[in-house]
């Protein structure tokens, strides 16, 4: 059996539905779709403030960690080989 023969067999075996039942099923489907339509969500101002505070805290933590890492590498300036840091004496 090939695809076209299967299509013909399936088309011949489907039940006949009268217009009244088809219209009733369509109205029922529309009613259910209208009833379960999700409402658009709005983000509350309180949630926006908490999100901004969280992002700020995360950025501050990251900046502090980066600064601590950079300061842990002495002297965080490259010096050519054979030269040394000069120190000022008073």
Protein backbone atom coordinates (compact mmCIF):
# COMPACT_ATOMS: atom_id res chain seq x y z
CA UNK A 1 0.00 0.00 0.00
CA UNK A 2 1.44 3.37 -0.98
CA UNK A 3 0.67 6.83 0.37
CA UNK A 4 -2.06 7.72 -2.11
CA UNK A 5 -3.91 4.43 -1.49
CA UNK A 6 -3.72 5.02 2.28
CA UNK A 7 -5.02 8.58 1.82
CA UNK A 8 -7.99 7.30 -0.18
CA UNK A 9 -8.71 4.61 2.43
CA UNK A 10 -8.63 7.13 5.28
CA UNK A 11 -10.81 9.64 3.40
CA UNK A 12 -13.37 6.94 2.69
CA UNK A 13 -13.49 5.79 6.32
CA UNK A 14 -14.12 9.16 7.97
CA UNK A 15 -17.61 9.66 9.39
CA UNK A 16 -20.02 12.18 7.91
CA UNK A 17 -20.73 15.04 10.32
CA UNK A 18 -23.80 17.20 9.90
CA UNK A 19 -23.51 20.99 9.87
CA UNK A 20 -25.28 21.43 13.20
CA UNK A 21 -22.81 19.23 15.08
CA UNK A 22 -19.87 20.89 13.34
CA UNK A 23 -21.16 24.37 14.23
CA UNK A 24 -21.74 23.31 17.87
CA UNK A 25 -18.22 21.91 18.15
CA UNK A 26 -16.77 25.13 16.71
CA UNK A 27 -18.75 27.28 19.16
CA UNK A 28 -17.62 25.11 22.07
CA UNK A 29 -13.99 25.36 20.98
CA UNK A 30 -14.27 29.15 20.66
CA UNK A 31 -15.86 29.45 24.12
CA UNK A 32 -13.11 27.38 25.71
CA UNK A 33 -10.42 29.38 23.92
CA UNK A 34 -11.92 32.68 25.12
CA UNK A 35 -12.22 31.41 28.68
CA UNK A 36 -8.59 30.27 28.96
CA UNK A 37 -6.95 33.21 27.21
CA UNK A 38 -4.06 34.34 29.45
CA UNK A 39 -4.12 37.91 30.62
CA UNK A 40 -1.09 40.05 29.88
CA UNK A 41 1.17 40.19 32.91
CA UNK A 42 2.47 43.47 34.19
CA UNK A 43 5.61 43.67 36.26
CA UNK A 44 4.94 45.45 39.54
CA UNK A 45 7.10 48.44 40.54
CA UNK A 46 8.25 46.55 43.63
CA UNK A 47 9.57 43.71 41.48
CA UNK A 48 11.41 46.22 39.26
CA UNK A 49 13.08 47.75 42.31
CA UNK A 50 14.17 44.35 43.62
CA UNK A 51 15.54 43.42 40.19
CA UNK A 52 17.51 46.68 39.98
CA UNK A 53 18.91 46.17 43.49
CA UNK A 54 19.90 42.60 42.64
CA UNK A 55 21.68 43.65 39.45
CA UNK A 56 23.44 46.47 41.31
CA UNK A 57 24.58 44.15 44.09
CA UNK A 58 25.85 41.63 41.56
CA UNK A 59 27.78 44.32 39.67
CA UNK A 60 29.27 45.70 42.88
CA UNK A 61 30.33 42.23 44.00
CA UNK A 62 31.93 41.56 40.63
CA UNK A 63 33.75 44.89 40.63
CA UNK A 64 35.02 44.29 44.17
CA UNK A 65 36.23 40.81 43.26
CA UNK A 66 38.02 42.12 40.17
CA UNK A 67 39.69 44.91 42.15
CA UNK A 68 40.80 42.46 44.86
CA UNK A 69 42.26 40.15 42.23
CA UNK A 70 44.12 42.97 40.50
CA UNK A 71 45.54 44.24 43.78
CA UNK A 72 46.73 40.75 44.72
CA UNK A 73 49.20 40.70 41.82
CA UNK A 74 52.19 42.76 42.91
CA UNK A 75 53.08 45.20 41.54
CA UNK A 76 50.47 44.84 38.76
CA UNK A 77 52.81 46.74 36.47
CA UNK A 78 55.27 45.03 34.14
CA UNK A 79 58.92 45.87 34.65
CA UNK A 80 61.51 45.00 32.02
CA UNK A 81 64.09 42.39 33.05
CA UNK A 82 67.08 43.80 34.85
CA UNK A 83 65.31 46.86 36.19
CA UNK A 84 63.79 47.40 39.63
CA UNK A 85 61.21 49.66 41.14
CA UNK A 86 62.67 52.91 42.42
CA UNK A 87 61.74 54.00 45.90
CA UNK A 88 61.73 57.61 46.96
CA UNK A 89 63.76 58.41 50.07
CA UNK A 90 63.12 61.57 52.02
